[in-house]
N, C-alpha and C. Protein backbone atom coordinates (compact mmCIF):
# COMPACT_ATOMS: atom_id res chain seq x y z
N MET A 1 14.07 12.01 -49.66
CA MET A 1 14.22 10.87 -48.80
C MET A 1 15.70 10.71 -48.51
N LYS A 2 16.02 10.44 -47.29
CA LYS A 2 17.41 10.22 -46.90
C LYS A 2 17.60 8.75 -46.58
N MET A 3 18.78 8.30 -46.85
CA MET A 3 19.12 6.93 -46.55
C MET A 3 20.29 6.97 -45.57
N THR A 4 20.13 6.35 -44.41
CA THR A 4 21.20 6.27 -43.44
C THR A 4 21.78 4.87 -43.51
N ILE A 5 23.06 4.80 -43.78
CA ILE A 5 23.71 3.51 -43.93
C ILE A 5 24.63 3.30 -42.74
N CYS A 6 24.44 2.19 -42.05
CA CYS A 6 25.23 1.91 -40.86
C CYS A 6 26.16 0.74 -41.17
N ASN A 7 27.43 0.93 -40.90
CA ASN A 7 28.34 -0.19 -41.15
C ASN A 7 28.66 -0.89 -39.84
N SER A 8 29.41 -1.95 -39.91
CA SER A 8 29.65 -2.78 -38.73
C SER A 8 30.44 -2.09 -37.64
N SER A 9 31.15 -1.03 -37.95
CA SER A 9 31.91 -0.33 -36.92
C SER A 9 31.06 0.71 -36.20
N ALA A 10 29.76 0.68 -36.43
CA ALA A 10 28.79 1.58 -35.80
C ALA A 10 28.91 3.01 -36.28
N ALA A 11 29.72 3.27 -37.29
CA ALA A 11 29.76 4.60 -37.88
C ALA A 11 28.55 4.73 -38.80
N THR A 12 28.00 5.91 -38.85
CA THR A 12 26.81 6.12 -39.64
C THR A 12 27.06 7.18 -40.69
N ALA A 13 26.64 6.90 -41.91
CA ALA A 13 26.74 7.88 -42.98
C ALA A 13 25.34 8.17 -43.48
N VAL A 14 25.05 9.42 -43.75
CA VAL A 14 23.75 9.79 -44.29
C VAL A 14 23.95 10.19 -45.74
N VAL A 15 23.21 9.56 -46.60
CA VAL A 15 23.30 9.83 -48.02
C VAL A 15 21.99 10.47 -48.45
N GLU A 16 22.05 11.66 -49.00
CA GLU A 16 20.84 12.31 -49.48
C GLU A 16 20.79 12.21 -50.99
N ASP A 17 19.64 11.83 -51.49
CA ASP A 17 19.45 11.69 -52.92
C ASP A 17 18.28 12.57 -53.32
N ASP A 18 18.56 13.74 -53.88
CA ASP A 18 17.50 14.67 -54.25
C ASP A 18 16.58 14.12 -55.32
N THR A 19 17.07 13.20 -56.14
CA THR A 19 16.23 12.63 -57.18
C THR A 19 15.24 11.64 -56.60
N MET A 20 15.41 11.28 -55.34
CA MET A 20 14.53 10.30 -54.70
C MET A 20 13.60 10.97 -53.71
N GLU A 21 13.34 12.25 -53.83
CA GLU A 21 12.47 12.97 -52.92
C GLU A 21 11.03 12.56 -53.18
N LEU A 22 10.52 11.66 -52.37
CA LEU A 22 9.17 11.15 -52.52
C LEU A 22 8.28 11.76 -51.46
N THR A 23 7.10 12.19 -51.85
CA THR A 23 6.10 12.62 -50.87
C THR A 23 5.02 11.56 -50.72
N GLU A 24 4.98 10.65 -51.69
CA GLU A 24 4.05 9.53 -51.63
C GLU A 24 4.78 8.25 -52.04
N LEU A 25 4.61 7.24 -51.25
CA LEU A 25 5.16 5.93 -51.60
C LEU A 25 3.98 5.06 -51.98
N VAL A 26 3.60 5.15 -53.25
CA VAL A 26 2.40 4.51 -53.76
C VAL A 26 2.72 3.77 -55.05
N ARG A 27 1.73 2.99 -55.54
CA ARG A 27 1.91 2.26 -56.80
C ARG A 27 2.40 3.21 -57.87
N GLY A 28 3.42 2.77 -58.58
CA GLY A 28 4.03 3.60 -59.61
C GLY A 28 5.35 4.20 -59.15
N GLN A 29 5.49 4.37 -57.84
CA GLN A 29 6.75 4.87 -57.29
C GLN A 29 7.48 3.80 -56.50
N ASP A 30 6.81 2.71 -56.24
CA ASP A 30 7.38 1.63 -55.45
C ASP A 30 8.57 0.97 -56.15
N GLN A 31 8.47 0.76 -57.45
CA GLN A 31 9.54 0.09 -58.17
C GLN A 31 10.81 0.93 -58.20
N SER A 32 10.66 2.24 -58.30
CA SER A 32 11.82 3.14 -58.27
C SER A 32 12.56 3.01 -56.95
N LEU A 33 11.82 2.96 -55.86
CA LEU A 33 12.44 2.80 -54.54
C LEU A 33 13.16 1.46 -54.47
N LEU A 34 12.52 0.42 -54.93
CA LEU A 34 13.15 -0.91 -54.90
C LEU A 34 14.41 -0.95 -55.75
N ASP A 35 14.35 -0.35 -56.93
CA ASP A 35 15.52 -0.35 -57.82
C ASP A 35 16.72 0.35 -57.17
N ARG A 36 16.47 1.43 -56.45
CA ARG A 36 17.57 2.19 -55.82
C ARG A 36 18.04 1.57 -54.51
N MET A 37 17.10 1.04 -53.74
CA MET A 37 17.43 0.61 -52.39
C MET A 37 17.82 -0.86 -52.24
N ALA A 38 17.30 -1.74 -53.08
CA ALA A 38 17.58 -3.17 -52.91
C ALA A 38 19.07 -3.49 -52.90
N PRO A 39 19.87 -2.91 -53.82
CA PRO A 39 21.31 -3.20 -53.76
C PRO A 39 21.96 -2.68 -52.47
N VAL A 40 21.46 -1.59 -51.96
CA VAL A 40 22.02 -0.99 -50.74
C VAL A 40 21.72 -1.87 -49.53
N VAL A 41 20.45 -2.27 -49.36
CA VAL A 41 20.09 -3.06 -48.18
C VAL A 41 20.70 -4.45 -48.24
N ALA A 42 21.03 -4.92 -49.44
CA ALA A 42 21.69 -6.23 -49.56
C ALA A 42 23.14 -6.16 -49.12
N ARG A 43 23.73 -4.95 -49.15
CA ARG A 43 25.14 -4.77 -48.79
C ARG A 43 25.36 -4.37 -47.34
N GLN A 44 24.39 -3.65 -46.75
CA GLN A 44 24.64 -3.11 -45.42
C GLN A 44 23.35 -2.74 -44.70
N THR A 45 23.46 -2.60 -43.39
CA THR A 45 22.34 -2.16 -42.57
C THR A 45 21.95 -0.76 -43.00
N THR A 46 20.64 -0.54 -43.13
CA THR A 46 20.15 0.72 -43.67
C THR A 46 18.95 1.22 -42.89
N VAL A 47 18.90 2.54 -42.67
CA VAL A 47 17.74 3.21 -42.09
C VAL A 47 17.26 4.23 -43.11
N LEU A 48 16.02 4.12 -43.52
CA LEU A 48 15.45 5.01 -44.52
C LEU A 48 14.65 6.10 -43.83
N ASP A 49 15.06 7.35 -44.01
CA ASP A 49 14.37 8.50 -43.43
C ASP A 49 13.17 8.83 -44.30
N MET A 50 11.98 8.64 -43.76
CA MET A 50 10.75 8.85 -44.52
C MET A 50 10.05 10.13 -44.13
N ASN A 51 10.80 11.12 -43.67
CA ASN A 51 10.23 12.38 -43.23
C ASN A 51 9.39 13.06 -44.31
N SER A 52 9.75 12.91 -45.56
CA SER A 52 9.03 13.61 -46.63
C SER A 52 7.81 12.84 -47.13
N VAL A 53 7.62 11.61 -46.71
CA VAL A 53 6.53 10.78 -47.21
C VAL A 53 5.25 11.07 -46.42
N GLU A 54 4.25 11.59 -47.14
CA GLU A 54 2.97 11.94 -46.53
C GLU A 54 1.94 10.82 -46.66
N ARG A 55 2.11 9.98 -47.68
CA ARG A 55 1.10 8.96 -47.97
C ARG A 55 1.78 7.68 -48.44
N ILE A 56 1.19 6.56 -48.02
CA ILE A 56 1.70 5.24 -48.43
C ILE A 56 0.50 4.34 -48.72
N ASP A 57 0.63 3.49 -49.71
CA ASP A 57 -0.44 2.53 -50.01
C ASP A 57 0.10 1.12 -49.94
N ALA A 58 -0.70 0.15 -50.37
CA ALA A 58 -0.31 -1.25 -50.29
C ALA A 58 0.97 -1.53 -51.08
N ALA A 59 1.13 -0.89 -52.23
CA ALA A 59 2.34 -1.09 -53.03
C ALA A 59 3.57 -0.55 -52.30
N GLY A 60 3.43 0.58 -51.62
CA GLY A 60 4.53 1.14 -50.84
C GLY A 60 4.89 0.26 -49.66
N ILE A 61 3.87 -0.27 -49.00
CA ILE A 61 4.11 -1.18 -47.88
C ILE A 61 4.82 -2.44 -48.38
N ALA A 62 4.36 -2.95 -49.51
CA ALA A 62 4.99 -4.14 -50.08
C ALA A 62 6.46 -3.88 -50.42
N ALA A 63 6.75 -2.68 -50.92
CA ALA A 63 8.14 -2.33 -51.24
C ALA A 63 8.99 -2.31 -49.98
N LEU A 64 8.47 -1.76 -48.89
CA LEU A 64 9.22 -1.72 -47.63
C LEU A 64 9.45 -3.14 -47.09
N VAL A 65 8.43 -3.99 -47.20
CA VAL A 65 8.58 -5.38 -46.76
C VAL A 65 9.61 -6.11 -47.61
N THR A 66 9.61 -5.86 -48.90
CA THR A 66 10.60 -6.46 -49.79
C THR A 66 12.01 -6.03 -49.41
N LEU A 67 12.19 -4.73 -49.12
CA LEU A 67 13.51 -4.24 -48.70
C LEU A 67 13.92 -4.87 -47.38
N TYR A 68 12.99 -4.99 -46.46
CA TYR A 68 13.26 -5.62 -45.17
C TYR A 68 13.71 -7.07 -45.36
N ALA A 69 12.98 -7.82 -46.19
CA ALA A 69 13.32 -9.22 -46.44
C ALA A 69 14.67 -9.35 -47.13
N THR A 70 14.95 -8.47 -48.07
CA THR A 70 16.24 -8.48 -48.76
C THR A 70 17.38 -8.26 -47.78
N ALA A 71 17.21 -7.28 -46.89
CA ALA A 71 18.23 -7.00 -45.88
C ALA A 71 18.43 -8.20 -44.95
N CYS A 72 17.34 -8.77 -44.48
CA CYS A 72 17.43 -9.91 -43.57
C CYS A 72 18.11 -11.11 -44.22
N GLN A 73 17.78 -11.37 -45.47
CA GLN A 73 18.40 -12.50 -46.17
C GLN A 73 19.90 -12.30 -46.32
N ALA A 74 20.32 -11.03 -46.38
CA ALA A 74 21.75 -10.73 -46.51
C ALA A 74 22.44 -10.60 -45.15
N GLY A 75 21.68 -10.74 -44.07
CA GLY A 75 22.26 -10.64 -42.73
C GLY A 75 22.35 -9.22 -42.21
N HIS A 76 21.56 -8.31 -42.76
CA HIS A 76 21.56 -6.91 -42.33
C HIS A 76 20.18 -6.54 -41.81
N SER A 77 20.07 -5.34 -41.28
CA SER A 77 18.76 -4.87 -40.86
C SER A 77 18.33 -3.68 -41.72
N PHE A 78 17.02 -3.50 -41.80
CA PHE A 78 16.43 -2.39 -42.54
C PHE A 78 15.30 -1.85 -41.69
N THR A 79 15.34 -0.57 -41.40
CA THR A 79 14.27 0.09 -40.68
C THR A 79 13.98 1.43 -41.34
N ILE A 80 12.87 2.03 -40.92
CA ILE A 80 12.56 3.38 -41.39
C ILE A 80 12.49 4.29 -40.18
N SER A 81 12.78 5.56 -40.41
CA SER A 81 12.73 6.52 -39.32
C SER A 81 11.97 7.77 -39.77
N ASN A 82 11.59 8.56 -38.81
CA ASN A 82 10.92 9.85 -39.04
C ASN A 82 9.66 9.74 -39.89
N ALA A 83 8.92 8.66 -39.71
CA ALA A 83 7.66 8.51 -40.45
C ALA A 83 6.63 9.48 -39.90
N LYS A 84 5.83 10.05 -40.78
CA LYS A 84 4.74 10.95 -40.40
C LYS A 84 3.68 10.15 -39.66
N PRO A 85 2.89 10.82 -38.81
CA PRO A 85 1.85 10.11 -38.05
C PRO A 85 0.92 9.26 -38.91
N ARG A 86 0.53 9.77 -40.07
CA ARG A 86 -0.37 9.00 -40.94
C ARG A 86 0.30 7.71 -41.42
N VAL A 87 1.56 7.80 -41.80
CA VAL A 87 2.29 6.62 -42.25
C VAL A 87 2.45 5.64 -41.09
N LYS A 88 2.76 6.15 -39.90
CA LYS A 88 2.89 5.29 -38.72
C LYS A 88 1.59 4.54 -38.44
N ARG A 89 0.46 5.25 -38.55
CA ARG A 89 -0.84 4.61 -38.29
C ARG A 89 -1.10 3.48 -39.28
N ILE A 90 -0.78 3.71 -40.54
CA ILE A 90 -1.00 2.68 -41.55
C ILE A 90 -0.11 1.47 -41.30
N LEU A 91 1.13 1.71 -40.95
CA LEU A 91 2.04 0.60 -40.64
C LEU A 91 1.55 -0.17 -39.41
N ALA A 92 1.02 0.56 -38.42
CA ALA A 92 0.49 -0.10 -37.23
C ALA A 92 -0.74 -0.94 -37.58
N LEU A 93 -1.57 -0.43 -38.47
CA LEU A 93 -2.78 -1.15 -38.88
C LEU A 93 -2.46 -2.51 -39.49
N VAL A 94 -1.38 -2.58 -40.24
CA VAL A 94 -1.01 -3.85 -40.88
C VAL A 94 0.01 -4.63 -40.06
N GLY A 95 0.34 -4.13 -38.88
CA GLY A 95 1.22 -4.86 -37.97
C GLY A 95 2.70 -4.74 -38.25
N LEU A 96 3.10 -3.76 -39.04
CA LEU A 96 4.51 -3.62 -39.38
C LEU A 96 5.24 -2.55 -38.57
N ASP A 97 4.53 -1.84 -37.72
CA ASP A 97 5.16 -0.77 -36.96
C ASP A 97 6.28 -1.28 -36.06
N GLN A 98 6.08 -2.41 -35.42
CA GLN A 98 7.11 -2.96 -34.52
C GLN A 98 8.32 -3.50 -35.27
N ILE A 99 8.13 -3.82 -36.54
CA ILE A 99 9.20 -4.40 -37.34
C ILE A 99 10.00 -3.34 -38.07
N LEU A 100 9.31 -2.37 -38.66
CA LEU A 100 9.97 -1.42 -39.55
C LEU A 100 10.32 -0.08 -38.92
N LEU A 101 9.53 0.38 -37.95
CA LEU A 101 9.75 1.72 -37.41
C LEU A 101 10.91 1.77 -36.45
N SER A 102 11.71 2.80 -36.60
CA SER A 102 12.85 3.02 -35.73
C SER A 102 12.69 4.37 -35.06
N GLN A 103 12.73 4.38 -33.74
CA GLN A 103 12.67 5.65 -33.03
C GLN A 103 14.01 6.36 -33.06
N ASN A 104 15.05 5.58 -33.12
CA ASN A 104 16.41 6.12 -33.09
C ASN A 104 17.25 5.34 -34.09
N ALA A 105 17.77 6.02 -35.10
CA ALA A 105 18.51 5.34 -36.17
C ALA A 105 19.69 4.54 -35.63
N GLU A 106 20.38 5.08 -34.65
CA GLU A 106 21.53 4.36 -34.11
C GLU A 106 21.10 3.11 -33.37
N GLN A 107 20.00 3.22 -32.63
CA GLN A 107 19.49 2.06 -31.91
C GLN A 107 19.10 0.96 -32.89
N SER A 108 18.43 1.34 -33.98
CA SER A 108 17.99 0.33 -34.94
C SER A 108 19.15 -0.31 -35.68
N SER A 109 20.26 0.42 -35.82
CA SER A 109 21.38 -0.15 -36.55
C SER A 109 22.02 -1.30 -35.78
N GLN A 110 21.75 -1.35 -34.48
CA GLN A 110 22.32 -2.41 -33.67
C GLN A 110 21.37 -3.60 -33.55
N SER A 111 20.16 -3.44 -34.07
CA SER A 111 19.17 -4.51 -34.01
C SER A 111 19.44 -5.52 -35.10
N ASP A 112 19.30 -6.80 -34.75
CA ASP A 112 19.52 -7.82 -35.77
C ASP A 112 18.32 -8.73 -35.94
N ALA A 113 17.16 -8.32 -35.42
CA ALA A 113 15.97 -9.14 -35.56
C ALA A 113 15.45 -9.07 -36.99
N CYS A 114 14.97 -10.21 -37.48
CA CYS A 114 14.43 -10.27 -38.83
C CYS A 114 13.03 -10.85 -38.79
N PHE A 115 12.19 -10.36 -39.65
CA PHE A 115 10.83 -10.85 -39.78
C PHE A 115 10.86 -12.24 -40.39
N GLN A 116 10.22 -13.17 -39.74
CA GLN A 116 10.18 -14.53 -40.28
C GLN A 116 8.73 -14.95 -40.35
N ARG A 117 8.38 -15.72 -41.37
CA ARG A 117 7.03 -16.23 -41.48
C ARG A 117 7.08 -17.74 -41.59
N SER A 118 6.01 -18.37 -41.12
CA SER A 118 5.97 -19.83 -41.20
C SER A 118 5.60 -20.27 -42.61
N ALA A 119 5.91 -21.49 -42.93
CA ALA A 119 5.60 -22.03 -44.25
C ALA A 119 4.12 -22.39 -44.35
N ALA A 120 3.45 -22.50 -43.24
CA ALA A 120 2.03 -22.90 -43.24
C ALA A 120 1.11 -21.78 -43.64
């Protein structure tokens, strides 16, 4: 899994972490992703390259939503890129495709929209 970190000057750095090579983002692997990524998304705008992820479940989706919320609360954006068709379909099914998916990492780094929910 690659993490693309975008700073305010629009420069982009790609950080590859071989120890984080996930093919499935499922229960049991979700906490590892949160532990590694939460501090990053709290500090800066981040695009997570999910090219290697073949499968995602509810725990994986919840982890992505948590990272998104963490980034938004800190005033940054968090998106994912290069999702496989199966992962894209699952995100679309739960209505997160428009919020989390990025067609172009640079384009998403300039986005400042955050997911908000009502208290009701």
